[in-house]
């Protein structure tokens, strides 16, 4: 699901109630387009993910990926940097408003010209 104007309180997954917190500035994609996954945990191991993006104004396209800061990271914390993605100094928080349960995610971004 495409979500425009990414910001605090955007629901992060269709199958969970977690919302984004701590979304401030370009390093955490504030105001960007968010491609909301339909599910968070029930993705088969070794699933390949691809993305195609075109600039609407002919400029650069920045692609970012939020990655859990625990063992559920799919090793993206190792793979993305080797593909030229840089990790942000800030982490995104995900919080369930009903229970206050949640955690943190790293943000990895790469600019394509």
PDB file of N, CA and C in Angstrom:
ATOM      1  N   UNK A   1       0.846  -1.179   0.000  1.00  0.00           N
ATOM      2  CA  UNK A   1       0.000   0.000   0.000  1.00  0.00           C
ATOM      3  C   UNK A   1       0.891   1.241   0.000  1.00  0.00           C
ATOM      4  N   UNK A   2       0.664   2.141  -0.930  1.00  0.00           N
ATOM      5  CA  UNK A   2       1.437   3.379  -1.004  1.00  0.00           C
ATOM      6  C   UNK A   2       0.871   4.402  -0.026  1.00  0.00           C
ATOM      7  N   UNK A   3       1.746   4.940   0.831  1.00  0.00           N
ATOM      8  CA  UNK A   3       1.363   5.976   1.784  1.00  0.00           C
ATOM      9  C   UNK A   3       2.210   7.207   1.477  1.00  0.00           C
ATOM     10  N   UNK A   4       1.573   8.301   1.124  1.00  0.00           N
ATOM     11  CA  UNK A   4       2.326   9.524   0.872  1.00  0.00           C
ATOM     12  C   UNK A   4       2.473  10.309   2.174  1.00  0.00           C
ATOM     13  N   UNK A   5       3.462  11.194   2.215  1.00  0.00           N
ATOM     14  CA  UNK A   5       3.724  12.040   3.384  1.00  0.00           C
ATOM     15  C   UNK A   5       3.994  11.209   4.647  1.00  0.00           C
ATOM     16  N   UNK A   6       5.034  10.377   4.589  1.00  0.00           N
ATOM     17  CA  UNK A   6       5.397   9.537   5.736  1.00  0.00           C
ATOM     18  C   UNK A   6       5.716  10.422   6.941  1.00  0.00           C
ATOM     19  N   UNK A   7       5.163  10.073   8.107  1.00  0.00           N
ATOM     20  CA  UNK A   7       5.334  10.860   9.332  1.00  0.00           C
ATOM     21  C   UNK A   7       4.979  10.009  10.539  1.00  0.00           C
ATOM     22  N   UNK A   8       5.096  10.595  11.713  1.00  0.00           N
ATOM     23  CA  UNK A   8       4.695   9.921  12.947  1.00  0.00           C
ATOM     24  C   UNK A   8       3.243   9.464  12.841  1.00  0.00           C
ATOM     25  N   UNK A   9       2.964   8.347  13.486  1.00  0.00           N
ATOM     26  CA  UNK A   9       1.622   7.765  13.599  1.00  0.00           C
ATOM     27  C   UNK A   9       1.112   7.084  12.330  1.00  0.00           C
ATOM     28  N   UNK A  10       1.971   6.940  11.294  1.00  0.00           N
ATOM     29  CA  UNK A  10       1.589   6.148  10.131  1.00  0.00           C
ATOM     30  C   UNK A  10       1.636   4.671  10.525  1.00  0.00           C
ATOM     31  N   UNK A  11       0.577   3.931  10.196  1.00  0.00           N
ATOM     32  CA  UNK A  11       0.545   2.494  10.468  1.00  0.00           C
ATOM     33  C   UNK A  11       1.569   1.813   9.569  1.00  0.00           C
ATOM     34  N   UNK A  12       2.449   0.985  10.159  1.00  0.00           N
ATOM     35  CA  UNK A  12       3.589   0.437   9.438  1.00  0.00           C
ATOM     36  C   UNK A  12       3.311  -0.853   8.681  1.00  0.00           C
ATOM     37  N   UNK A  13       2.358  -1.669   9.117  1.00  0.00           N
ATOM     38  CA  UNK A  13       2.029  -2.941   8.451  1.00  0.00           C
ATOM     39  C   UNK A  13       0.522  -3.117   8.453  1.00  0.00           C
ATOM     40  N   UNK A  14       0.001  -3.732   7.399  1.00  0.00           N
ATOM     41  CA  UNK A  14      -1.444  -3.971   7.332  1.00  0.00           C
ATOM     42  C   UNK A  14      -1.920  -4.968   8.374  1.00  0.00           C
ATOM     43  N   UNK A  15      -1.064  -5.925   8.764  1.00  0.00           N
ATOM     44  CA  UNK A  15      -1.505  -6.979   9.679  1.00  0.00           C
ATOM     45  C   UNK A  15      -1.141  -6.720  11.143  1.00  0.00           C
ATOM     46  N   UNK A  16      -0.697  -5.528  11.471  1.00  0.00           N
ATOM     47  CA  UNK A  16      -0.358  -5.164  12.854  1.00  0.00           C
ATOM     48  C   UNK A  16      -0.819  -3.731  13.118  1.00  0.00           C
ATOM     49  N   UNK A  17      -0.909  -3.365  14.389  1.00  0.00           N
ATOM     50  CA  UNK A  17      -1.356  -2.017  14.757  1.00  0.00           C
ATOM     51  C   UNK A  17      -0.210  -1.051  15.033  1.00  0.00           C
ATOM     52  N   UNK A  18       1.011  -1.479  14.844  1.00  0.00           N
ATOM     53  CA  UNK A  18       2.161  -0.620  15.146  1.00  0.00           C
ATOM     54  C   UNK A  18       2.187   0.623  14.264  1.00  0.00           C
ATOM     55  N   UNK A  19       2.547   1.749  14.889  1.00  0.00           N
ATOM     56  CA  UNK A  19       2.688   3.014  14.166  1.00  0.00           C
ATOM     57  C   UNK A  19       4.116   3.529  14.312  1.00  0.00           C
ATOM     58  N   UNK A  20       4.507   4.398  13.400  1.00  0.00           N
ATOM     59  CA  UNK A  20       5.843   4.993  13.405  1.00  0.00           C
ATOM     60  C   UNK A  20       5.933   6.106  14.431  1.00  0.00           C
ATOM     61  N   UNK A  21       7.076   6.185  15.103  1.00  0.00           N
ATOM     62  CA  UNK A  21       7.385   7.277  16.032  1.00  0.00           C
ATOM     63  C   UNK A  21       8.837   7.698  15.797  1.00  0.00           C
ATOM     64  N   UNK A  22       9.122   8.949  16.073  1.00  0.00           N
ATOM     65  CA  UNK A  22      10.481   9.454  15.914  1.00  0.00           C
ATOM     66  C   UNK A  22      10.829   9.826  14.489  1.00  0.00           C
ATOM     67  N   UNK A  23       9.807   9.988  13.635  1.00  0.00           N
ATOM     68  CA  UNK A  23      10.039  10.338  12.238  1.00  0.00           C
ATOM     69  C   UNK A  23      10.330  11.835  12.155  1.00  0.00           C
ATOM     70  N   UNK A  24      11.609  12.154  12.032  1.00  0.00           N
ATOM     71  CA  UNK A  24      12.014  13.561  11.957  1.00  0.00           C
ATOM     72  C   UNK A  24      13.133  13.707  10.949  1.00  0.00           C
ATOM     73  N   UNK A  25      12.876  14.478   9.900  1.00  0.00           N
ATOM     74  CA  UNK A  25      13.907  14.787   8.927  1.00  0.00           C
ATOM     75  C   UNK A  25      14.049  13.761   7.816  1.00  0.00           C
ATOM     76  N   UNK A  26      14.857  14.141   6.839  1.00  0.00           N
ATOM     77  CA  UNK A  26      15.064  13.305   5.652  1.00  0.00           C
ATOM     78  C   UNK A  26      15.732  11.978   5.992  1.00  0.00           C
ATOM     79  N   UNK A  27      16.553  11.939   7.040  1.00  0.00           N
ATOM     80  CA  UNK A  27      17.248  10.688   7.368  1.00  0.00           C
ATOM     81  C   UNK A  27      16.283   9.600   7.826  1.00  0.00           C
ATOM     82  N   UNK A  28      15.063   9.979   8.219  1.00  0.00           N
ATOM     83  CA  UNK A  28      14.029   9.000   8.564  1.00  0.00           C
ATOM     84  C   UNK A  28      12.829   9.121   7.628  1.00  0.00           C
ATOM     85  N   UNK A  29      13.087   9.654   6.443  1.00  0.00           N
ATOM     86  CA  UNK A  29      12.107   9.662   5.344  1.00  0.00           C
ATOM     87  C   UNK A  29      10.872  10.516   5.603  1.00  0.00           C
ATOM     88  N   UNK A  30      10.960  11.479   6.493  1.00  0.00           N
ATOM     89  CA  UNK A  30       9.803  12.322   6.772  1.00  0.00           C
ATOM     90  C   UNK A  30       9.324  12.993   5.490  1.00  0.00           C
ATOM     91  N   UNK A  31       8.019  12.871   5.217  1.00  0.00           N
ATOM     92  CA  UNK A  31       7.425  13.469   4.034  1.00  0.00           C
ATOM     93  C   UNK A  31       7.556  12.630   2.779  1.00  0.00           C
ATOM     94  N   UNK A  32       8.258  11.514   2.863  1.00  0.00           N
ATOM     95  CA  UNK A  32       8.469  10.663   1.689  1.00  0.00           C
ATOM     96  C   UNK A  32       7.321   9.711   1.436  1.00  0.00           C
ATOM     97  N   UNK A  33       7.491   8.876   0.426  1.00  0.00           N
ATOM     98  CA  UNK A  33       6.519   7.839   0.106  1.00  0.00           C
ATOM     99  C   UNK A  33       6.893   6.574   0.865  1.00  0.00           C
ATOM    100  N   UNK A  34       5.917   5.959   1.516  1.00  0.00           N
ATOM    101  CA  UNK A  34       6.153   4.731   2.268  1.00  0.00           C
ATOM    102  C   UNK A  34       5.390   3.603   1.597  1.00  0.00           C
ATOM    103  N   UNK A  35       6.086   2.535   1.274  1.00  0.00           N
ATOM    104  CA  UNK A  35       5.455   1.350   0.706  1.00  0.00           C
ATOM    105  C   UNK A  35       5.150   0.392   1.855  1.00  0.00           C
ATOM    106  N   UNK A  36       3.906   0.466   2.343  1.00  0.00           N
ATOM    107  CA  UNK A  36       3.507  -0.301   3.529  1.00  0.00           C
ATOM    108  C   UNK A  36       3.321  -1.775   3.191  1.00  0.00           C
ATOM    109  N   UNK A  37       4.100  -2.647   3.850  1.00  0.00           N
ATOM    110  CA  UNK A  37       3.930  -4.088   3.622  1.00  0.00           C
ATOM    111  C   UNK A  37       2.586  -4.585   4.156  1.00  0.00           C
ATOM    112  N   UNK A  38       2.069  -5.625   3.517  1.00  0.00           N
ATOM    113  CA  UNK A  38       0.808  -6.203   3.975  1.00  0.00           C
ATOM    114  C   UNK A  38       0.988  -7.026   5.239  1.00  0.00           C
ATOM    115  N   UNK A  39       2.220  -7.518   5.470  1.00  0.00           N
ATOM    116  CA  UNK A  39       2.467  -8.320   6.676  1.00  0.00           C
ATOM    117  C   UNK A  39       3.894  -8.100   7.156  1.00  0.00           C
ATOM    118  N   UNK A  40       4.092  -8.440   8.433  1.00  0.00           N
ATOM    119  CA  UNK A  40       5.403  -8.185   9.030  1.00  0.00           C
ATOM    120  C   UNK A  40       6.198  -9.456   9.298  1.00  0.00           C
ATOM    121  N   UNK A  41       5.566 -10.519   9.730  1.00  0.00           N
ATOM    122  CA  UNK A  41       6.325 -11.693  10.182  1.00  0.00           C
ATOM    123  C   UNK A  41       6.186 -12.923   9.304  1.00  0.00           C
ATOM    124  N   UNK A  42       5.144 -13.059   8.555  1.00  0.00           N
ATOM    125  CA  UNK A  42       4.875 -14.308   7.853  1.00  0.00           C
ATOM    126  C   UNK A  42       5.427 -14.294   6.430  1.00  0.00           C
ATOM    127  N   UNK A  43       6.652 -13.853   6.273  1.00  0.00           N
ATOM    128  CA  UNK A  43       7.314 -13.809   4.978  1.00  0.00           C
ATOM    129  C   UNK A  43       8.296 -14.971   4.930  1.00  0.00           C
ATOM    130  N   UNK A  44       8.197 -15.773   3.888  1.00  0.00           N
ATOM    131  CA  UNK A  44       9.043 -16.959   3.780  1.00  0.00           C
ATOM    132  C   UNK A  44      10.522 -16.595   3.735  1.00  0.00           C
ATOM    133  N   UNK A  45      11.330 -17.421   4.370  1.00  0.00           N
ATOM    134  CA  UNK A  45      12.772 -17.240   4.344  1.00  0.00           C
ATOM    135  C   UNK A  45      13.255 -17.287   2.892  1.00  0.00           C
ATOM    136  N   UNK A  46      14.258 -16.472   2.587  1.00  0.00           N
ATOM    137  CA  UNK A  46      14.865 -16.365   1.251  1.00  0.00           C
ATOM    138  C   UNK A  46      13.948 -15.724   0.206  1.00  0.00           C
ATOM    139  N   UNK A  47      12.890 -15.040   0.648  1.00  0.00           N
ATOM    140  CA  UNK A  47      12.050 -14.301  -0.278  1.00  0.00           C
ATOM    141  C   UNK A  47      12.876 -13.181  -0.908  1.00  0.00           C
ATOM    142  N   UNK A  48      12.788 -13.030  -2.208  1.00  0.00           N
ATOM    143  CA  UNK A  48      13.490 -11.948  -2.899  1.00  0.00           C
ATOM    144  C   UNK A  48      12.548 -10.769  -3.062  1.00  0.00           C
ATOM    145  N   UNK A  49      13.082  -9.575  -2.810  1.00  0.00           N
ATOM    146  CA  UNK A  49      12.300  -8.346  -2.913  1.00  0.00           C
ATOM    147  C   UNK A  49      12.956  -7.468  -3.964  1.00  0.00           C
ATOM    148  N   UNK A  50      12.145  -6.940  -4.873  1.00  0.00           N
ATOM    149  CA  UNK A  50      12.682  -6.025  -5.880  1.00  0.00           C
ATOM    150  C   UNK A  50      11.843  -4.752  -5.892  1.00  0.00           C
ATOM    151  N   UNK A  51      12.443  -3.682  -6.393  1.00  0.00           N
ATOM    152  CA  UNK A  51      11.780  -2.387  -6.420  1.00  0.00           C
ATOM    153  C   UNK A  51      12.261  -1.632  -7.639  1.00  0.00           C
ATOM    154  N   UNK A  52      11.324  -1.040  -8.363  1.00  0.00           N
ATOM    155  CA  UNK A  52      11.650  -0.149  -9.463  1.00  0.00           C
ATOM    156  C   UNK A  52      11.071   1.209  -9.133  1.00  0.00           C
ATOM    157  N   UNK A  53      11.844   2.258  -9.393  1.00  0.00           N
ATOM    158  CA  UNK A  53      11.384   3.614  -9.078  1.00  0.00           C
ATOM    159  C   UNK A  53      11.848   4.575 -10.158  1.00  0.00           C
ATOM    160  N   UNK A  54      10.978   5.482 -10.534  1.00  0.00           N
ATOM    161  CA  UNK A  54      11.299   6.538 -11.482  1.00  0.00           C
ATOM    162  C   UNK A  54      11.105   7.876 -10.794  1.00  0.00           C
ATOM    163  N   UNK A  55      11.977   8.812 -11.072  1.00  0.00           N
ATOM    164  CA  UNK A  55      11.851  10.151 -10.519  1.00  0.00           C
ATOM    165  C   UNK A  55      10.699  10.873 -11.209  1.00  0.00           C
ATOM    166  N   UNK A  56       9.881  11.569 -10.444  1.00  0.00           N
ATOM    167  CA  UNK A  56       8.780  12.328 -11.031  1.00  0.00           C
ATOM    168  C   UNK A  56       9.256  13.641 -11.638  1.00  0.00           C
ATOM    169  N   UNK A  57      10.451  14.109 -11.242  1.00  0.00           N
ATOM    170  CA  UNK A  57      10.954  15.385 -11.746  1.00  0.00           C
ATOM    171  C   UNK A  57      12.310  15.280 -12.450  1.00  0.00           C
ATOM    172  N   UNK A  58      12.761  14.053 -12.703  1.00  0.00           N
ATOM    173  CA  UNK A  58      14.034  13.863 -13.382  1.00  0.00           C
ATOM    174  C   UNK A  58      15.244  13.900 -12.469  1.00  0.00           C
ATOM    175  N   UNK A  59      15.035  14.112 -11.176  1.00  0.00           N
ATOM    176  CA  UNK A  59      16.130  14.174 -10.219  1.00  0.00           C
ATOM    177  C   UNK A  59      16.462  12.809  -9.644  1.00  0.00           C
ATOM    178  N   UNK A  60      17.227  12.834  -8.578  1.00  0.00           N
ATOM    179  CA  UNK A  60      17.621  11.600  -7.896  1.00  0.00           C
ATOM    180  C   UNK A  60      16.430  10.939  -7.203  1.00  0.00           C
ATOM    181  N   UNK A  61      16.553   9.634  -6.990  1.00  0.00           N
ATOM    182  CA  UNK A  61      15.582   8.870  -6.215  1.00  0.00           C
ATOM    183  C   UNK A  61      16.328   8.289  -5.017  1.00  0.00           C
ATOM    184  N   UNK A  62      15.801   8.508  -3.831  1.00  0.00           N
ATOM    185  CA  UNK A  62      16.389   7.941  -2.615  1.00  0.00           C
ATOM    186  C   UNK A  62      15.502   6.791  -2.156  1.00  0.00           C
ATOM    187  N   UNK A  63      16.110   5.613  -2.001  1.00  0.00           N
ATOM    188  CA  UNK A  63      15.386   4.431  -1.537  1.00  0.00           C
ATOM    189  C   UNK A  63      15.904   4.096  -0.142  1.00  0.00           C
ATOM    190  N   UNK A  64      14.987   3.883   0.787  1.00  0.00           N
ATOM    191  CA  UNK A  64      15.356   3.551   2.160  1.00  0.00           C
ATOM    192  C   UNK A  64      14.656   2.268   2.593  1.00  0.00           C
ATOM    193  N   UNK A  65      15.275   1.573   3.521  1.00  0.00           N
ATOM    194  CA  UNK A  65      14.699   0.347   4.073  1.00  0.00           C
ATOM    195  C   UNK A  65      14.807   0.396   5.584  1.00  0.00           C
ATOM    196  N   UNK A  66      13.693   0.176   6.263  1.00  0.00           N
ATOM    197  CA  UNK A  66      13.691   0.069   7.716  1.00  0.00           C
ATOM    198  C   UNK A  66      13.986  -1.378   8.072  1.00  0.00           C
ATOM    199  N   UNK A  67      14.958  -1.585   8.965  1.00  0.00           N
ATOM    200  CA  UNK A  67      15.422  -2.930   9.315  1.00  0.00           C
ATOM    201  C   UNK A  67      15.388  -3.083  10.833  1.00  0.00           C
ATOM    202  N   UNK A  68      14.748  -4.136  11.322  1.00  0.00           N
ATOM    203  CA  UNK A  68      14.696  -4.385  12.767  1.00  0.00           C
ATOM    204  C   UNK A  68      16.095  -4.380  13.367  1.00  0.00           C
ATOM    205  N   UNK A  69      16.207  -3.897  14.586  1.00  0.00           N
ATOM    206  CA  UNK A  69      17.520  -3.863  15.258  1.00  0.00           C
ATOM    207  C   UNK A  69      17.725  -5.082  16.152  1.00  0.00           C
ATOM    208  N   UNK A  70      17.085  -6.198  15.784  1.00  0.00           N
ATOM    209  CA  UNK A  70      17.255  -7.446  16.540  1.00  0.00           C
ATOM    210  C   UNK A  70      17.542  -8.581  15.567  1.00  0.00           C
ATOM    211  N   UNK A  71      17.345  -9.800  15.974  1.00  0.00           N
ATOM    212  CA  UNK A  71      17.666 -10.965  15.150  1.00  0.00           C
ATOM    213  C   UNK A  71      16.731 -11.143  13.954  1.00  0.00           C
ATOM    214  N   UNK A  72      15.622 -10.419  13.899  1.00  0.00           N
ATOM    215  CA  UNK A  72      14.657 -10.560  12.806  1.00  0.00           C
ATOM    216  C   UNK A  72      14.984  -9.626  11.640  1.00  0.00           C
ATOM    217  N   UNK A  73      16.259  -9.440  11.345  1.00  0.00           N
ATOM    218  CA  UNK A  73      16.657  -8.458  10.346  1.00  0.00           C
ATOM    219  C   UNK A  73      16.924  -9.044   8.966  1.00  0.00           C
ATOM    220  N   UNK A  74      16.809 -10.354   8.827  1.00  0.00           N
ATOM    221  CA  UNK A  74      17.047 -10.985   7.535  1.00  0.00           C
ATOM    222  C   UNK A  74      18.444 -10.761   6.995  1.00  0.00           C
ATOM    223  N   UNK A  75      19.341 -10.377   7.883  1.00  0.00           N
ATOM    224  CA  UNK A  75      20.725 -10.049   7.531  1.00  0.00           C
ATOM    225  C   UNK A  75      20.822  -8.846   6.595  1.00  0.00           C
ATOM    226  N   UNK A  76      19.757  -8.049   6.514  1.00  0.00           N
ATOM    227  CA  UNK A  76      19.804  -6.836   5.698  1.00  0.00           C
ATOM    228  C   UNK A  76      20.809  -5.842   6.263  1.00  0.00           C
ATOM    229  N   UNK A  77      21.049  -5.900   7.575  1.00  0.00           N
ATOM    230  CA  UNK A  77      22.038  -4.999   8.181  1.00  0.00           C
ATOM    231  C   UNK A  77      23.444  -5.280   7.658  1.00  0.00           C
ATOM    232  N   UNK A  78      23.647  -6.454   7.058  1.00  0.00           N
ATOM    233  CA  UNK A  78      24.929  -6.802   6.437  1.00  0.00           C
ATOM    234  C   UNK A  78      24.870  -6.606   4.916  1.00  0.00           C
ATOM    235  N   UNK A  79      23.748  -6.989   4.312  1.00  0.00           N
ATOM    236  CA  UNK A  79      23.610  -6.960   2.861  1.00  0.00           C
ATOM    237  C   UNK A  79      23.485  -5.541   2.306  1.00  0.00           C
ATOM    238  N   UNK A  80      22.655  -4.704   2.934  1.00  0.00           N
ATOM    239  CA  UNK A  80      22.419  -3.361   2.392  1.00  0.00           C
ATOM    240  C   UNK A  80      23.692  -2.512   2.329  1.00  0.00           C
ATOM    241  N   UNK A  81      24.514  -2.458   3.390  1.00  0.00           N
ATOM    242  CA  UNK A  81      25.749  -1.660   3.271  1.00  0.00           C
ATOM    243  C   UNK A  81      26.670  -2.147   2.149  1.00  0.00           C
ATOM    244  N   UNK A  82      26.713  -3.443   1.919  1.00  0.00           N
ATOM    245  CA  UNK A  82      27.567  -3.956   0.838  1.00  0.00           C
ATOM    246  C   UNK A  82      27.007  -3.584  -0.534  1.00  0.00           C
ATOM    247  N   UNK A  83      25.730  -3.191  -0.598  1.00  0.00           N
ATOM    248  CA  UNK A  83      25.119  -2.722  -1.838  1.00  0.00           C
ATOM    249  C   UNK A  83      25.078  -1.195  -1.916  1.00  0.00           C
ATOM    250  N   UNK A  84      25.810  -0.513  -1.030  1.00  0.00           N
ATOM    251  CA  UNK A  84      25.912   0.945  -1.099  1.00  0.00           C
ATOM    252  C   UNK A  84      24.901   1.729  -0.292  1.00  0.00           C
ATOM    253  N   UNK A  85      24.127   1.053   0.540  1.00  0.00           N
ATOM    254  CA  UNK A  85      23.180   1.753   1.410  1.00  0.00           C
ATOM    255  C   UNK A  85      23.906   2.206   2.670  1.00  0.00           C
ATOM    256  N   UNK A  86      23.586   3.410   3.139  1.00  0.00           N
ATOM    257  CA  UNK A  86      24.188   3.956   4.364  1.00  0.00           C
ATOM    258  C   UNK A  86      23.148   3.960   5.470  1.00  0.00           C
ATOM    259  N   UNK A  87      23.576   3.629   6.682  1.00  0.00           N
ATOM    260  CA  UNK A  87      22.663   3.603   7.822  1.00  0.00           C
ATOM    261  C   UNK A  87      22.578   4.993   8.444  1.00  0.00           C
ATOM    262  N   UNK A  88      21.376   5.374   8.844  1.00  0.00           N
ATOM    263  CA  UNK A  88      21.148   6.655   9.511  1.00  0.00           C
ATOM    264  C   UNK A  88      21.620   6.575  10.958  1.00  0.00           C
ATOM    265  N   UNK A  89      22.000   7.717  11.515  1.00  0.00           N
ATOM    266  CA  UNK A  89      22.376   7.776  12.924  1.00  0.00           C
ATOM    267  C   UNK A  89      21.165   7.607  13.835  1.00  0.00           C
ATOM    268  N   UNK A  90      19.981   7.906  13.328  1.00  0.00           N
ATOM    269  CA  UNK A  90      18.757   7.835  14.128  1.00  0.00           C
ATOM    270  C   UNK A  90      17.990   6.559  13.821  1.00  0.00           C
ATOM    271  N   UNK A  91      17.251   6.081  14.808  1.00  0.00           N
ATOM    272  CA  UNK A  91      16.416   4.895  14.624  1.00  0.00           C
ATOM    273  C   UNK A  91      14.944   5.295  14.606  1.00  0.00           C
ATOM    274  N   UNK A  92      14.178   4.542  13.841  1.00  0.00           N
ATOM    275  CA  UNK A  92      12.733   4.694  13.816  1.00  0.00           C
ATOM    276  C   UNK A  92      12.148   3.797  14.894  1.00  0.00           C
ATOM    277  N   UNK A  93      11.162   4.281  15.599  1.00  0.00           N
ATOM    278  CA  UNK A  93      10.478   3.471  16.604  1.00  0.00           C
ATOM    279  C   UNK A  93       9.160   2.957  16.023  1.00  0.00           C
ATOM    280  N   UNK A  94       8.771   1.757  16.434  1.00  0.00           N
ATOM    281  CA  UNK A  94       7.435   1.254  16.115  1.00  0.00           C
ATOM    282  C   UNK A  94       6.752   0.923  17.429  1.00  0.00           C
ATOM    283  N   UNK A  95       5.535   1.441  17.598  1.00  0.00           N
ATOM    284  CA  UNK A  95       4.803   1.342  18.864  1.00  0.00           C
ATOM    285  C   UNK A  95       3.372   0.902  18.588  1.00  0.00           C
ATOM    286  N   UNK A  96       2.866  -0.044  19.403  1.00  0.00           N
ATOM    287  CA  UNK A  96       1.453  -0.408  19.362  1.00  0.00           C
ATOM    288  C   UNK A  96       0.733   0.561  20.299  1.00  0.00           C
ATOM    289  N   UNK A  97      -0.122   1.439  19.783  1.00  0.00           N
ATOM    290  CA  UNK A  97      -0.781   2.441  20.632  1.00  0.00           C
ATOM    291  C   UNK A  97      -1.601   1.843  21.775  1.00  0.00           C
ATOM    292  N   UNK A  98      -2.128   0.636  21.600  1.00  0.00           N
ATOM    293  CA  UNK A  98      -2.976   0.023  22.617  1.00  0.00           C
ATOM    294  C   UNK A  98      -2.175  -0.556  23.777  1.00  0.00           C
ATOM    295  N   UNK A  99      -0.966  -1.048  23.491  1.00  0.00           N
ATOM    296  CA  UNK A  99      -0.207  -1.750  24.528  1.00  0.00           C
ATOM    297  C   UNK A  99       1.129  -1.089  24.873  1.00  0.00           C
ATOM    298  N   UNK A 100       1.560  -0.145  24.055  1.00  0.00           N
ATOM    299  CA  UNK A 100       2.866   0.524  24.180  1.00  0.00           C
ATOM    300  C   UNK A 100       4.035  -0.425  23.899  1.00  0.00           C
ATOM    301  N   UNK A 101       3.743  -1.633  23.412  1.00  0.00           N
ATOM    302  CA  UNK A 101       4.812  -2.556  23.007  1.00  0.00           C
ATOM    303  C   UNK A 101       5.426  -2.035  21.714  1.00  0.00           C
ATOM    304  N   UNK A 102       6.682  -2.372  21.494  1.00  0.00           N
ATOM    305  CA  UNK A 102       7.309  -1.945  20.255  1.00  0.00           C
ATOM    306  C   UNK A 102       8.795  -2.173  20.260  1.00  0.00           C
ATOM    307  N   UNK A 103       9.477  -1.443  19.426  1.00  0.00           N
ATOM    308  CA  UNK A 103      10.924  -1.577  19.305  1.00  0.00           C
ATOM    309  C   UNK A 103      11.484  -0.528  18.375  1.00  0.00           C
ATOM    310  N   UNK A 104      12.691  -0.806  17.871  1.00  0.00           N
ATOM    311  CA  UNK A 104      13.396   0.145  17.018  1.00  0.00           C
ATOM    312  C   UNK A 104      13.800  -0.506  15.708  1.00  0.00           C
ATOM    313  N   UNK A 105      13.979   0.337  14.690  1.00  0.00           N
ATOM    314  CA  UNK A 105      14.485  -0.118  13.407  1.00  0.00           C
ATOM    315  C   UNK A 105      15.553   0.857  12.914  1.00  0.00           C
ATOM    316  N   UNK A 106      16.577   0.281  12.280  1.00  0.00           N
ATOM    317  CA  UNK A 106      17.566   1.087  11.589  1.00  0.00           C
ATOM    318  C   UNK A 106      16.973   1.547  10.261  1.00  0.00           C
ATOM    319  N   UNK A 107      17.510   2.632   9.703  1.00  0.00           N
ATOM    320  CA  UNK A 107      17.102   3.111   8.398  1.00  0.00           C
ATOM    321  C   UNK A 107      18.319   3.128   7.485  1.00  0.00           C
ATOM    322  N   UNK A 108      18.269   2.365   6.406  1.00  0.00           N
ATOM    323  CA  UNK A 108      19.342   2.301   5.410  1.00  0.00           C
ATOM    324  C   UNK A 108      18.868   2.980   4.136  1.00  0.00           C
ATOM    325  N   UNK A 109      19.642   3.934   3.596  1.00  0.00           N
ATOM    326  CA  UNK A 109      19.239   4.662   2.395  1.00  0.00           C
ATOM    327  C   UNK A 109      20.341   4.665   1.344  1.00  0.00           C
ATOM    328  N   UNK A 110      19.905   4.778   0.087  1.00  0.00           N
ATOM    329  CA  UNK A 110      20.837   4.882  -1.046  1.00  0.00           C
ATOM    330  C   UNK A 110      20.211   5.815  -2.075  1.00  0.00           C
ATOM    331  N   UNK A 111      21.035   6.693  -2.640  1.00  0.00           N
ATOM    332  CA  UNK A 111      20.577   7.617  -3.677  1.00  0.00           C
ATOM    333  C   UNK A 111      20.922   7.038  -5.046  1.00  0.00           C
ATOM    334  N   UNK A 112      19.909   7.038  -5.934  1.00  0.00           N
ATOM    335  CA  UNK A 112      20.082   6.582  -7.307  1.00  0.00           C
ATOM    336  C   UNK A 112      19.920   7.778  -8.224  1.00  0.00           C
ATOM    337  N   UNK A 113      20.851   7.948  -9.141  1.00  0.00           N
ATOM    338  CA  UNK A 113      20.810   9.090 -10.074  1.00  0.00           C
ATOM    339  C   UNK A 113      20.275   8.669 -11.428  1.00  0.00           C
TER     340      UNK A 113
END
